[in-house]
Amino acid sequence: MTLSVAIRHAVEDFTLDVAFEAPAAGTTVLFGRSGAGKSTIIAAVAGLIRPAECHVTIDDSVIADTSHNVFIPPEHRRIGLVFQDARLFPHMNVARNLRYGLRRAPAGTIGFDDVVELLGITPLLERRPHTLSGGEKSRVAIGRALLSQPKLLAMDEPLASLDEQHKSEILPYLARLKQTLHLPILYVTHSLDEVSRLADTLVLIRDGRLVAAGPLEQVLSRGDLPLAARDDASAVLPARVIAHDPARQLSELEAAGRRLLVPLLRSALGSGVRVRIPAREVILATAPPQGISVHNVIAGTVQGVVPDPSRHGSMVEVALDGAGLLARITPDAVTRLGLTRGTPVLALVKSMAIEVLGE
């Protein structure tokens, strides 16, 4: 089951020309700067525009194919849309706004009560949109889209207008949505934090062109991509909680075939989380260190070394099992350690430097 998108379409000052495939399950995030063409892709997939050339399939069902003159009208594509502004009806209370999504929806498995509980909006049902916070409005808009019984949920920068407090309020609901409903989500953002927390597949767009696409943990661990040049360049790994040690104030995780120690978590044993490891926090060694405070000494292999002249540095890709880390170090360190592709290394990471997402 896949989401397949190929679009060629003239935009204001460039031609959007992208093609990618992603597993239909999970969240596919379109990431890039404002004006890169991300929203145009959403509009084309939803049928809001008719590109000069396009081919879009969801689970092998063709919804647009200009070469065969196939263009399913947007109202028949069963795509739930959520925009940056919630677009709620001001004269309706929350309950009526939600039920609007049910009016023309086909029979489906997503029930009103389930959505209300999932999004935590039971206390809001009798309120009007003007009394809601930005985060509350976003949750109601998501609920209305879900109740249209979509095959795909398309979200165009739904958190862009929110401040950091309201973003942190709604991100757990978005993560829960993915885990509970198993509904394919196509998500647009230019926030790397949202990417780290929500993406399963990451599609990088720049000036209307595809830069890279693939599983999140693989794309983020590439030193040759624009994300690696950012100050906040990080690797993100899926992990599982395997032990707690209250006496030591530590929890043990398993990620990419390695064991990691992090500050004590609340998550239950067996819980799935994500860990984000900033490139600037990774130290490399070619021999086991002695007498240090660092808990995590992670064995890996150098996958590549990418010069970073703007910082007088180098980005080293460290391959693990099916994923990897990035380490930002000096060219002198690369030379002294003799780091080339295939070199075995140890990545040293402080427990306090590992951010656990979805805790």
Protein backbone atom coordinates (compact mmCIF):
# COMPACT_ATOMS: atom_id res chain seq x y z
CA MET A 1 0.00 0.00 0.00
CA THR A 2 1.56 3.28 -1.11
CA LEU A 3 0.91 6.94 -1.70
CA SER A 4 2.34 7.81 -5.11
CA VAL A 5 2.59 11.43 -6.26
CA ALA A 6 4.03 12.87 -9.49
CA ILE A 7 3.26 16.52 -10.31
CA ARG A 8 4.50 19.05 -12.83
CA HIS A 9 2.85 22.44 -12.59
CA ALA A 10 3.83 26.06 -13.23
CA VAL A 11 3.72 28.15 -10.06
CA GLU A 12 4.44 31.90 -9.76
CA ASP A 13 8.21 31.99 -10.30
CA PHE A 14 9.15 28.36 -10.86
CA THR A 15 7.81 25.06 -12.10
CA LEU A 16 6.92 22.49 -9.48
CA ASP A 17 8.32 19.16 -10.64
CA VAL A 18 8.29 16.40 -8.01
CA ALA A 19 7.66 12.69 -7.82
CA PHE A 20 7.81 10.48 -4.72
CA GLU A 21 6.32 7.37 -3.16
CA ALA A 22 5.66 6.72 0.51
CA PRO A 23 4.02 3.95 2.52
CA ALA A 24 0.32 4.75 2.82
CA ALA A 25 0.47 3.94 6.54
CA GLY A 26 1.96 6.58 8.81
CA THR A 27 2.70 10.27 8.32
CA THR A 28 4.44 11.60 5.22
CA VAL A 29 5.82 15.08 5.91
CA LEU A 30 6.57 17.58 3.14
CA PHE A 31 9.32 19.80 4.49
CA GLY A 32 10.90 22.93 3.07
CA ARG A 33 10.98 26.69 3.24
CA SER A 34 7.89 28.80 2.61
CA GLY A 35 7.27 29.03 -1.13
CA ALA A 36 8.99 25.74 -1.93
CA GLY A 37 5.82 24.23 -3.39
CA LYS A 38 4.59 22.13 -0.48
CA SER A 39 1.08 23.59 -0.35
CA THR A 40 0.73 23.22 -4.11
CA ILE A 41 1.38 19.49 -3.71
CA ILE A 42 -1.35 19.27 -1.07
CA ALA A 43 -3.75 21.20 -3.32
CA ALA A 44 -3.01 18.91 -6.25
CA VAL A 45 -3.46 15.73 -4.20
CA ALA A 46 -6.75 17.07 -2.81
CA GLY A 47 -7.98 18.09 -6.26
CA LEU A 48 -8.15 21.81 -5.45
CA ILE A 49 -6.01 22.56 -8.52
CA ARG A 50 -5.60 20.71 -11.79
CA PRO A 51 -1.87 20.51 -12.61
CA ALA A 52 -0.57 20.47 -16.16
CA GLU A 53 0.76 16.97 -15.49
CA CYS A 54 0.06 14.73 -12.54
CA HIS A 55 -0.38 11.14 -11.46
CA VAL A 56 -1.66 10.50 -7.92
CA THR A 57 -2.63 7.16 -6.42
CA ILE A 58 -3.66 6.16 -2.90
CA ASP A 59 -3.57 2.43 -2.13
CA ASP A 60 -3.41 1.68 -5.89
CA SER A 61 -6.56 3.75 -6.50
CA VAL A 62 -5.89 6.38 -9.20
CA ILE A 63 -7.41 9.74 -8.28
CA ALA A 64 -5.60 11.82 -10.92
CA ASP A 65 -3.79 10.91 -14.13
CA THR A 66 -3.53 13.60 -16.79
CA SER A 67 -2.08 11.17 -19.32
CA HIS A 68 -5.40 9.25 -19.27
CA ASN A 69 -7.64 12.27 -18.56
CA VAL A 70 -8.53 10.97 -15.08
CA PHE A 71 -9.42 13.64 -12.53
CA ILE A 72 -11.63 12.60 -9.63
CA PRO A 73 -13.46 15.68 -8.28
CA PRO A 74 -12.22 16.77 -4.84
CA GLU A 75 -15.54 15.96 -3.15
CA HIS A 76 -15.19 12.33 -4.26
CA ARG A 77 -11.54 11.83 -3.30
CA ARG A 78 -12.29 11.28 0.40
CA ILE A 79 -9.41 13.43 1.55
CA GLY A 80 -9.85 15.23 4.86
CA LEU A 81 -8.30 18.70 4.70
CA VAL A 82 -6.96 20.73 7.61
CA PHE A 83 -5.54 24.18 6.88
CA GLN A 84 -3.40 26.68 8.81
CA ASP A 85 -6.55 28.58 9.77
CA ALA A 86 -9.16 26.28 11.26
CA ARG A 87 -11.99 27.57 9.03
CA LEU A 88 -14.70 26.71 11.54
CA PHE A 89 -18.24 27.99 11.07
CA PRO A 90 -18.60 30.88 13.54
CA HIS A 91 -22.39 30.51 13.91
CA MET A 92 -22.13 26.84 14.95
CA ASN A 93 -20.95 25.45 18.25
CA VAL A 94 -18.17 22.85 18.31
CA ALA A 95 -20.56 19.87 18.23
CA ARG A 96 -22.33 21.19 15.11
CA ASN A 97 -19.00 22.01 13.44
CA LEU A 98 -17.89 18.44 14.06
CA ARG A 99 -21.13 16.93 12.80
CA TYR A 100 -20.84 18.97 9.61
CA GLY A 101 -18.10 16.53 8.63
CA LEU A 102 -20.62 13.69 8.92
CA ARG A 103 -23.31 15.22 6.73
CA ARG A 104 -22.07 13.98 3.37
CA ALA A 105 -19.66 11.36 4.60
CA PRO A 106 -20.00 7.73 3.51
CA ALA A 107 -20.39 5.09 6.16
CA GLY A 108 -17.14 4.63 8.01
CA THR A 109 -15.45 3.41 11.14
CA ILE A 110 -14.55 6.80 12.66
CA GLY A 111 -17.27 7.66 15.19
CA PHE A 112 -18.22 10.99 16.75
CA ASP A 113 -17.58 9.88 20.32
CA ASP A 114 -14.26 8.30 19.38
CA VAL A 115 -13.01 11.52 17.76
CA VAL A 116 -14.16 13.67 20.68
CA GLU A 117 -12.33 11.44 23.15
CA LEU A 118 -9.22 11.08 20.97
CA LEU A 119 -8.82 14.84 20.61
CA GLY A 120 -9.86 15.71 24.16
CA ILE A 121 -12.60 18.13 23.11
CA THR A 122 -15.55 16.92 25.21
CA PRO A 123 -15.53 20.12 27.35
CA LEU A 124 -15.68 22.23 24.19
CA LEU A 125 -18.77 20.80 22.50
CA GLU A 126 -21.19 23.61 23.44
CA ARG A 127 -18.77 26.46 22.84
CA ARG A 128 -18.55 28.73 19.78
CA PRO A 129 -15.29 29.06 17.79
CA HIS A 130 -14.59 32.64 18.95
CA THR A 131 -14.24 31.39 22.55
CA LEU A 132 -11.60 28.78 21.67
CA SER A 133 -7.83 29.05 21.84
CA GLY A 134 -5.76 28.47 18.71
CA GLY A 135 -4.90 24.93 19.79
CA GLU A 136 -8.53 24.13 20.57
CA LYS A 137 -9.64 25.40 17.16
CA SER A 138 -7.02 23.21 15.50
CA ARG A 139 -8.23 20.12 17.33
CA VAL A 140 -11.83 20.81 16.32
CA ALA A 141 -10.79 21.30 12.68
CA ILE A 142 -8.93 17.99 12.76
CA GLY A 143 -11.99 16.30 14.29
CA ARG A 144 -14.27 17.67 11.57
CA ALA A 145 -11.89 16.38 8.88
CA LEU A 146 -11.75 12.95 10.52
CA LEU A 147 -15.54 12.65 10.66
CA SER A 148 -15.69 13.00 6.87
CA GLN A 149 -14.37 9.39 6.89
CA PRO A 150 -11.30 10.18 4.77
CA LYS A 151 -8.95 7.72 3.11
CA LEU A 152 -6.18 10.28 3.59
CA LEU A 153 -5.81 13.22 6.00
CA ALA A 154 -4.02 16.18 4.36
CA MET A 155 -2.76 18.86 6.74
CA ASP A 156 -1.30 22.11 5.38
CA GLU A 157 0.81 23.72 8.13
CA PRO A 158 -1.93 23.26 10.75
CA LEU A 159 0.26 24.61 13.57
CA ALA A 160 1.94 27.51 11.75
CA SER A 161 -0.25 30.17 13.33
CA LEU A 162 0.16 28.86 16.89
CA ASP A 163 2.67 29.99 19.48
CA GLU A 164 5.04 27.47 21.06
CA GLN A 165 2.75 26.82 24.03
CA HIS A 166 -0.22 25.91 21.84
CA LYS A 167 1.99 23.86 19.51
CA SER A 168 3.19 21.79 22.45
CA GLU A 169 -0.45 21.38 23.48
CA ILE A 170 -1.58 19.90 20.16
CA LEU A 171 1.47 17.84 19.10
CA PRO A 172 0.62 14.96 21.48
CA TYR A 173 -2.86 14.77 19.95
CA LEU A 174 -1.38 14.53 16.46
CA ALA A 175 0.94 11.73 17.58
CA ARG A 176 -1.99 9.94 19.23
CA LEU A 177 -4.05 10.35 16.07
CA LYS A 178 -1.45 8.51 14.02
CA GLN A 179 -1.10 5.70 16.52
CA THR A 180 -4.83 5.19 17.14
CA LEU A 181 -6.50 5.50 13.75
CA HIS A 182 -3.71 4.21 11.48
CA LEU A 183 -4.90 6.74 8.90
CA PRO A 184 -2.47 7.90 6.18
CA ILE A 185 -1.48 11.52 6.79
CA LEU A 186 0.15 13.96 4.35
CA TYR A 187 1.53 16.81 6.44
CA VAL A 188 3.13 20.11 5.40
CA THR A 189 5.47 22.04 7.68
CA HIS A 190 8.66 24.07 7.79
CA SER A 191 9.21 23.22 11.48
CA LEU A 192 11.96 20.68 12.10
CA ASP A 193 10.50 19.98 15.55
CA GLU A 194 7.21 18.86 13.96
CA VAL A 195 9.19 16.73 11.51
CA SER A 196 11.08 15.02 14.33
CA ARG A 197 7.94 14.27 16.32
CA LEU A 198 5.49 13.28 13.59
CA ALA A 199 7.17 12.12 10.38
CA ASP A 200 7.52 8.49 9.35
CA THR A 201 8.49 9.39 5.79
CA LEU A 202 10.25 12.68 5.08
CA VAL A 203 10.03 14.43 1.69
CA LEU A 204 12.38 17.41 1.28
CA ILE A 205 11.29 20.07 -1.22
CA ARG A 206 13.35 23.05 -2.37
CA ASP A 207 12.33 25.53 -5.07
CA GLY A 208 9.80 23.12 -6.52
CA ARG A 209 12.19 20.19 -6.76
CA LEU A 210 12.55 16.99 -4.77
CA VAL A 211 15.77 16.98 -2.75
CA ALA A 212 15.31 13.64 -0.97
CA ALA A 213 12.59 11.28 0.23
CA GLY A 214 12.64 8.25 2.50
CA PRO A 215 12.22 7.01 6.08
CA LEU A 216 12.76 9.81 8.60
CA GLU A 217 15.70 8.22 10.40
CA GLN A 218 17.56 7.65 7.12
CA VAL A 219 17.00 11.11 5.62
CA LEU A 220 17.94 12.97 8.82
CA SER A 221 21.20 11.02 9.13
CA ARG A 222 22.51 12.16 5.72
CA GLY A 223 25.26 14.74 5.98
CA ASP A 224 24.93 15.83 2.34
CA LEU A 225 21.40 17.25 2.67
CA PRO A 226 20.44 20.85 3.57
CA LEU A 227 19.11 19.76 6.97
CA ALA A 228 22.63 18.79 8.02
CA ALA A 229 23.81 22.36 7.50
CA ARG A 230 21.40 23.71 10.11
CA ASP A 231 22.52 24.61 13.62
CA ASP A 232 19.95 22.15 14.99
CA ALA A 233 20.94 19.24 12.72
CA SER A 234 19.98 16.05 14.55
CA ALA A 235 19.37 12.36 14.11
CA VAL A 236 16.02 10.90 15.19
CA LEU A 237 15.73 7.23 16.09
CA PRO A 238 12.70 5.12 17.00
CA ALA A 239 13.24 3.55 20.40
CA ARG A 240 11.61 1.27 22.94
CA VAL A 241 11.71 1.61 26.73
CA ILE A 242 13.24 -1.57 28.16
CA ALA A 243 14.18 -0.73 31.77
CA HIS A 244 13.92 1.86 34.53
CA ASP A 245 16.49 2.32 37.31
CA PRO A 246 15.06 4.78 39.85
CA ALA A 247 18.11 4.42 42.08
CA ARG A 248 20.36 5.72 39.30
CA GLN A 249 17.66 8.08 37.94
CA LEU A 250 18.06 6.51 34.52
CA SER A 251 15.96 4.68 31.94
CA GLU A 252 17.28 2.29 29.33
CA LEU A 253 16.13 2.36 25.72
CA GLU A 254 16.76 0.17 22.71
CA ALA A 255 17.28 2.05 19.44
CA ALA A 256 18.82 0.95 16.13
CA GLY A 257 20.13 -2.21 17.76
CA ARG A 258 21.89 -0.24 20.51
CA ARG A 259 21.20 0.42 24.21
CA LEU A 260 20.87 4.03 25.35
CA LEU A 261 20.68 5.49 28.85
CA VAL A 262 18.59 8.63 29.35
CA PRO A 263 17.28 10.52 32.40
CA LEU A 264 14.48 8.61 34.14
CA LEU A 265 11.26 8.50 32.11
CA ARG A 266 7.60 8.09 33.06
CA SER A 267 6.82 5.88 30.05
CA ALA A 268 5.81 2.27 30.69
CA LEU A 269 8.14 -0.57 29.81
CA GLY A 270 7.70 -1.56 26.18
CA SER A 271 6.50 1.92 25.19
CA GLY A 272 7.60 3.29 21.85
CA VAL A 273 9.28 6.71 21.85
CA ARG A 274 11.64 8.66 19.63
CA VAL A 275 15.03 10.05 20.57
CA ARG A 276 16.61 13.11 19.02
CA ILE A 277 20.40 13.37 19.18
CA PRO A 278 21.90 16.71 18.04
CA ALA A 279 24.98 16.45 15.82
CA ARG A 280 26.81 19.03 17.95
CA GLU A 281 26.48 16.75 21.01
CA VAL A 282 28.16 13.68 19.47
CA ILE A 283 31.85 13.01 20.14
CA LEU A 284 33.70 10.39 18.09
CA ALA A 285 36.46 8.06 19.27
CA THR A 286 38.36 5.18 17.68
CA ALA A 287 39.20 3.49 20.99
CA PRO A 288 37.16 2.90 24.17
CA PRO A 289 37.46 5.95 26.46
CA GLN A 290 38.36 5.58 30.12
CA GLY A 291 37.18 7.46 33.19
CA ILE A 292 34.51 9.66 31.61
CA SER A 293 31.00 10.70 32.69
CA VAL A 294 29.35 9.84 29.36
CA HIS A 295 26.94 6.90 29.67
CA ASN A 296 26.39 6.19 25.98
CA VAL A 297 29.26 4.76 23.95
CA ILE A 298 27.65 3.66 20.69
CA ALA A 299 29.50 1.46 18.20
CA GLY A 300 29.03 2.38 14.55
CA THR A 301 30.77 2.73 11.20
CA VAL A 302 31.61 5.89 9.29
CA GLN A 303 29.27 6.10 6.31
CA GLY A 304 30.64 9.35 4.95
CA VAL A 305 32.40 12.61 5.76
CA VAL A 306 30.90 15.82 4.36
CA PRO A 307 32.92 19.06 4.59
CA ASP A 308 31.11 22.06 6.08
CA PRO A 309 33.26 25.05 5.04
CA SER A 310 30.84 27.64 6.39
CA ARG A 311 31.58 26.39 9.91
CA HIS A 312 35.17 25.29 9.27
CA GLY A 313 33.87 21.85 10.20
CA SER A 314 32.87 18.45 8.91
CA MET A 315 29.70 16.39 9.26
CA VAL A 316 30.39 12.71 9.84
CA GLU A 317 27.68 10.14 9.09
CA VAL A 318 27.79 7.20 11.51
CA ALA A 319 25.85 4.13 10.36
CA LEU A 320 23.96 2.01 12.90
CA ASP A 321 21.43 -0.77 12.20
CA GLY A 322 19.02 0.70 9.64
CA ALA A 323 19.61 4.24 10.89
CA GLY A 324 22.45 6.53 11.82
CA LEU A 325 23.85 9.47 13.74
CA LEU A 326 25.46 12.72 12.66
CA ALA A 327 28.54 14.15 14.37
CA ARG A 328 29.71 17.72 13.74
CA ILE A 329 33.46 17.84 14.36
CA THR A 330 36.50 19.75 13.06
CA PRO A 331 38.43 18.76 9.94
CA ASP A 332 41.46 18.37 12.22
CA ALA A 333 39.61 15.70 14.21
CA VAL A 334 38.72 13.91 10.99
CA THR A 335 42.39 13.87 10.00
CA ARG A 336 43.74 12.89 13.44
CA LEU A 337 41.30 9.97 13.74
CA GLY A 338 41.76 8.92 10.12
CA LEU A 339 38.02 8.90 9.50
CA THR A 340 36.99 7.58 6.10
CA ARG A 341 34.10 5.50 4.86
CA GLY A 342 34.14 2.14 6.67
CA THR A 343 36.12 3.29 9.72
CA PRO A 344 34.75 1.73 12.96
CA VAL A 345 34.03 4.43 15.52
CA LEU A 346 32.46 4.95 18.91
CA ALA A 347 29.91 7.74 19.24
CA LEU A 348 29.88 9.26 22.71
CA VAL A 349 26.63 10.93 23.76
CA LYS A 350 25.72 12.29 27.20
CA SER A 351 22.43 11.01 28.59
CA MET A 352 21.38 14.60 29.23
CA ALA A 353 21.95 15.47 25.54
CA ILE A 354 19.37 12.93 24.29
CA GLU A 355 15.90 14.38 23.91
CA VAL A 356 13.10 11.83 24.29
CA LEU A 357 10.09 12.74 22.13
CA GLY A 358 6.59 11.43 22.79
CA GLU A 359 7.28 10.75 26.47
